[in-house]
Protein backbone atom coordinates (compact mmCIF):
# COMPACT_ATOMS: atom_id res chain seq x y z
CA MET A 1 -0.66 -20.40 -24.42
CA ILE A 2 -1.05 -16.86 -24.01
CA LEU A 3 2.45 -15.89 -22.76
CA VAL A 4 4.56 -18.19 -25.28
CA GLY A 5 6.43 -16.34 -27.52
CA ALA A 6 5.37 -12.86 -26.18
CA LYS A 7 7.45 -9.93 -25.86
CA VAL A 8 7.36 -7.61 -22.58
CA GLN A 9 6.89 -4.14 -24.09
CA GLU A 10 6.15 -2.30 -20.79
CA VAL A 11 5.99 -3.18 -17.09
CA ARG A 12 3.90 -0.84 -14.66
CA ARG A 13 2.04 -0.25 -11.57
CA ARG A 14 -1.91 0.03 -10.68
CA ALA A 15 -2.29 0.53 -6.97
CA LYS A 16 -0.81 -2.32 -5.56
CA TYR A 17 -0.86 -4.64 -8.79
CA ILE A 18 2.21 -5.13 -11.21
CA LEU A 19 0.91 -5.12 -14.58
CA ILE A 20 3.10 -6.20 -17.48
CA GLY A 21 2.06 -5.22 -21.24
CA LEU A 22 3.03 -7.59 -23.89
CA ASP A 23 3.71 -7.35 -27.72
CA ASN A 24 0.27 -9.50 -28.32
CA ASN A 25 -1.99 -7.26 -26.64
CA TRP A 26 -2.13 -8.88 -23.41
CA THR A 27 -1.47 -7.85 -20.34
CA VAL A 28 -0.08 -9.95 -17.22
CA LEU A 29 -1.48 -9.08 -13.63
CA ILE A 30 0.47 -10.00 -10.50
CA HIS A 31 -0.37 -9.20 -7.03
CA LEU A 32 1.78 -9.94 -4.19
CA GLY A 33 -0.67 -10.85 -1.48
CA MET A 34 0.40 -10.38 1.89
CA SER A 35 3.86 -12.27 1.98
CA GLY A 36 4.50 -12.69 -2.06
CA ARG A 37 8.24 -11.80 -3.53
CA LEU A 38 9.59 -12.38 -6.92
CA PHE A 39 12.84 -13.71 -7.38
CA ILE A 40 15.16 -13.17 -10.31
CA ASP A 41 17.33 -15.92 -11.28
CA LYS A 42 20.11 -15.35 -13.92
CA PRO A 43 20.77 -17.94 -16.55
CA SER A 44 23.85 -18.93 -14.45
CA ASP A 45 22.24 -19.19 -11.17
CA ALA A 46 21.70 -22.96 -9.95
CA HIS A 47 17.81 -23.11 -9.65
CA GLU A 48 15.52 -25.08 -7.29
CA LEU A 49 11.92 -25.46 -6.62
CA ARG A 50 11.76 -22.93 -3.91
CA LYS A 51 9.24 -23.45 -0.97
CA HIS A 52 5.75 -22.08 -1.54
CA GLN A 53 6.90 -20.93 -5.15
CA HIS A 54 3.55 -21.22 -6.92
CA PHE A 55 4.51 -19.59 -10.30
CA ASP A 56 7.39 -18.74 -12.78
CA PHE A 57 8.18 -17.29 -16.23
CA LEU A 58 10.71 -18.45 -17.66
CA LEU A 59 12.07 -15.70 -20.43
CA ASN A 60 14.23 -16.68 -23.79
CA ASP A 61 17.54 -15.98 -22.44
CA GLY A 62 17.11 -18.17 -19.51
CA THR A 63 16.42 -15.82 -16.52
CA ARG A 64 13.44 -17.18 -14.74
CA ILE A 65 11.15 -15.03 -12.46
CA ALA A 66 9.64 -16.75 -9.29
CA LEU A 67 6.34 -15.33 -7.35
CA VAL A 68 6.86 -17.09 -3.63
CA ASP A 69 3.56 -17.02 -1.82
CA PRO A 70 3.88 -18.68 1.48
CA ARG A 71 0.53 -17.65 2.51
CA ARG A 72 -1.24 -17.78 -1.11
CA PHE A 73 -2.94 -14.54 -0.85
CA GLY A 74 -0.58 -13.42 -4.05
CA VAL A 75 -2.62 -13.49 -7.80
CA VAL A 76 -1.62 -13.80 -11.21
CA ASP A 77 -3.98 -13.39 -14.05
CA ALA A 78 -3.76 -12.20 -17.83
CA PHE A 79 -6.47 -9.87 -20.21
CA PRO A 80 -6.51 -8.18 -23.14
CA SER A 81 -5.24 -4.85 -22.98
CA SER A 82 -7.90 -2.98 -24.16
CA PRO A 83 -10.22 -0.77 -21.68
CA GLU A 84 -13.14 -3.19 -22.27
CA ALA A 85 -11.24 -6.47 -20.97
CA LEU A 86 -10.36 -4.21 -17.98
CA PRO A 87 -11.21 -6.49 -14.59
CA PRO A 88 -13.85 -5.10 -12.84
CA PHE A 89 -12.05 -4.95 -9.62
CA MET A 90 -9.18 -2.99 -11.84
CA LYS A 91 -12.30 0.04 -12.86
CA ARG A 92 -13.24 0.35 -9.23
CA LEU A 93 -9.80 1.46 -7.95
CA GLY A 94 -9.51 4.79 -6.87
CA ILE A 95 -6.92 7.56 -7.50
CA GLU A 96 -3.16 7.47 -7.48
CA PRO A 97 -2.08 9.12 -4.70
CA LEU A 98 1.24 9.52 -6.13
CA GLY A 99 -0.15 9.75 -9.87
CA GLU A 100 0.43 12.86 -12.21
CA GLU A 101 -2.48 14.75 -10.47
CA PRO A 102 -1.68 16.11 -7.32
CA LEU A 103 -3.85 15.14 -4.28
CA THR A 104 -5.73 17.46 -3.61
CA PRO A 105 -8.18 18.88 -0.50
CA VAL A 106 -10.59 19.15 -2.82
CA ALA A 107 -10.77 15.71 -4.17
CA ILE A 108 -10.23 14.16 -1.01
CA LYS A 109 -13.12 15.84 0.56
CA ASN A 110 -15.37 15.01 -2.72
CA LEU A 111 -14.38 11.68 -2.45
CA PHE A 112 -15.67 10.99 1.15
CA GLU A 113 -18.36 13.23 0.98
CA LYS A 114 -20.98 10.70 1.65
CA THR A 115 -18.60 7.99 3.36
CA HIS A 116 -20.18 7.53 6.88
CA SER A 117 -17.26 5.19 7.76
CA PRO A 118 -14.51 6.22 10.24
CA ILE A 119 -12.19 8.02 8.30
CA LYS A 120 -9.18 5.05 9.17
CA ASN A 121 -11.88 2.51 6.99
CA ALA A 122 -12.07 5.24 4.42
CA LEU A 123 -8.09 5.83 3.92
CA LEU A 124 -7.97 2.17 3.55
CA ASP A 125 -11.22 1.56 0.87
CA GLN A 126 -8.87 1.12 -2.28
CA THR A 127 -11.65 2.05 -4.55
CA LYS A 128 -11.27 5.73 -3.13
CA ILE A 129 -7.47 5.97 -3.03
CA VAL A 130 -5.11 3.27 -3.83
CA GLY A 131 -1.77 2.11 -2.62
CA LEU A 132 -2.79 2.70 1.25
CA GLY A 133 -1.72 -0.08 3.95
CA ASN A 134 -2.67 0.02 7.29
CA ILE A 135 0.75 0.95 8.43
CA TYR A 136 0.40 4.57 6.54
CA VAL A 137 -2.71 5.53 7.60
CA CYS A 138 -1.99 5.17 10.76
CA GLU A 139 0.72 7.20 11.09
CA ALA A 140 -0.91 9.79 8.64
CA LEU A 141 -3.76 10.18 10.61
CA PHE A 142 -1.10 10.55 13.63
CA ARG A 143 0.77 13.22 11.95
CA ALA A 144 -2.46 15.05 10.50
CA GLY A 145 -3.79 14.52 14.51
CA ILE A 146 -6.96 13.47 13.42
CA HIS A 147 -8.97 10.55 15.50
CA PRO A 148 -8.93 7.15 13.53
CA GLN A 149 -12.86 7.22 14.41
CA LYS A 150 -13.70 10.47 13.26
CA THR A 151 -16.67 10.08 10.44
CA ALA A 152 -15.24 10.82 7.08
CA ASN A 153 -17.73 13.21 6.04
CA THR A 154 -17.16 15.31 9.10
CA LEU A 155 -13.49 15.99 8.43
CA SER A 156 -12.78 20.07 8.63
CA GLN A 157 -11.07 21.86 5.75
CA THR A 158 -8.08 21.98 7.13
CA GLU A 159 -7.79 18.26 8.17
CA TYR A 160 -8.53 17.93 4.44
CA GLU A 161 -5.78 20.00 3.43
CA HIS A 162 -3.53 18.14 6.07
CA LEU A 163 -4.45 14.50 4.66
CA SER A 164 -3.44 15.79 0.74
CA GLN A 165 -0.29 17.01 2.18
CA ILE A 166 1.13 13.93 4.62
CA ILE A 167 -0.34 11.30 2.43
CA PRO A 168 2.27 11.99 -0.33
CA GLU A 169 4.73 12.92 2.31
CA ILE A 170 4.82 9.63 3.87
CA LEU A 171 4.46 7.62 1.11
CA HIS A 172 7.74 9.17 -0.37
CA GLU A 173 9.54 8.66 2.63
CA ALA A 174 8.56 5.12 2.87
CA LEU A 175 9.83 4.62 -0.66
CA ALA A 176 12.90 6.32 -0.12
CA ALA A 177 13.53 4.08 3.23
CA GLY A 178 12.79 0.89 1.15
CA GLY A 179 9.51 0.18 2.91
CA SER A 180 8.97 -1.39 6.36
CA THR A 181 10.21 -4.80 7.15
CA LEU A 182 8.20 -6.15 10.09
CA ARG A 183 8.31 -9.46 9.71
CA ASP A 184 9.89 -10.96 6.26
CA TYR A 185 9.11 -8.15 3.72
CA VAL A 186 12.73 -7.29 1.73
CA THR A 187 13.25 -4.75 -0.82
CA VAL A 188 13.75 -6.15 -4.70
CA ASP A 189 17.61 -6.39 -3.69
CA GLY A 190 16.94 -8.84 -0.88
CA GLN A 191 17.37 -5.64 1.54
CA LYS A 192 15.27 -5.06 4.71
CA GLY A 193 13.30 -2.10 4.53
CA SER A 194 14.13 0.68 7.45
CA PHE A 195 10.74 2.53 7.45
CA GLN A 196 9.69 1.03 10.46
CA GLU A 197 12.63 2.81 12.12
CA LEU A 198 10.53 6.23 11.50
CA HIS A 199 7.20 4.99 12.60
CA GLN A 200 6.02 7.27 15.09
CA VAL A 201 2.74 5.37 16.22
CA TYR A 202 2.09 2.00 14.24
CA GLY A 203 3.72 -0.90 16.59
CA ARG A 204 4.07 1.34 19.35
CA ALA A 205 1.09 0.78 21.87
CA GLY A 206 2.32 1.85 25.26
CA ASP A 207 4.94 4.19 23.99
CA ALA A 208 4.98 8.01 25.18
CA CYS A 209 3.62 10.01 22.27
CA PRO A 210 6.13 11.95 20.73
CA ILE A 211 4.13 15.04 19.73
CA CYS A 212 2.82 15.11 23.66
CA ALA A 213 6.38 14.79 25.16
CA GLN A 214 7.75 17.60 22.97
CA LYS A 215 4.75 19.77 24.44
CA LYS A 216 5.64 18.80 27.80
CA HIS A 217 2.49 16.21 28.25
CA ARG A 218 1.90 12.75 29.23
CA ALA A 219 -0.03 10.77 26.72
CA LEU A 220 0.45 7.01 25.58
CA ILE A 221 -0.12 5.46 21.84
CA THR A 222 -2.93 3.17 21.96
CA LYS A 223 -4.17 0.32 20.15
CA ILE A 224 -7.94 -0.78 19.06
CA THR A 225 -9.36 -2.78 16.39
CA GLN A 226 -11.37 -1.60 13.46
CA SER A 227 -13.01 -3.75 11.20
CA GLY A 228 -10.34 -6.44 11.74
CA ARG A 229 -7.25 -4.09 11.41
CA SER A 230 -5.14 -2.42 14.11
CA THR A 231 -5.15 0.77 14.72
CA PHE A 232 -2.35 2.72 16.73
CA PHE A 233 -3.10 6.63 17.66
CA CYS A 234 -2.79 8.98 20.43
CA PRO A 235 -5.75 9.51 22.21
CA GLN A 236 -4.75 12.96 23.19
CA HIS A 237 -2.73 14.40 20.07
CA GLN A 238 -5.52 12.60 17.87
CA LYS A 239 -8.94 13.62 20.30
CA SER A 240 -12.17 12.55 19.66
CA GLU A 241 -14.93 15.12 19.43
CA HIS A 242 -17.37 12.30 21.26
């Protein structure tokens, strides 16, 4: 009954969460998981229950917003709109790479100075930097020339500087391209993203490294597994120190 009769005041994002602020001092949280998608049906649209539809909002003008989530990793929750009531996992979220404060080399170094895990794993840790997925971390490390297995707190000052520039750069490029459609992902208007066409390493195992090719070197993109996630990199361009 928390939502009934409440008026939407704002819709914003924190990390990978959609936050809908209501005028009754409650906030609705939505996470789309791996395959979730929101459908917005106008009052004039014929509405039928979609396969894997788990939740919907009905607005007072007849508009219906439906959450469809085939893999059931999505989340819908509500909590009072106060700092004290913020869910614990929200309090642990890291810095925003596209936030008002720029992502600086010092900020990244401070985040990772006690981190002994590989830099690939560290960049996926949402308690340090939010919003980075597997694709964008692979692409960022490739552009920065950093081996994905290098220990996070052993990066050089130059490598921290490269990441501080490249991470926002890649995210802006991905947003402009509508994201990456590898399977069923589409944008809010139902269009496929096109950033996958700009991938230099992700999903390209066995292809020639584009940077090495420019230098007349022969090197192939390699795939390894780190913490259950696929990692794509060039062992020549991203040399290991071991």
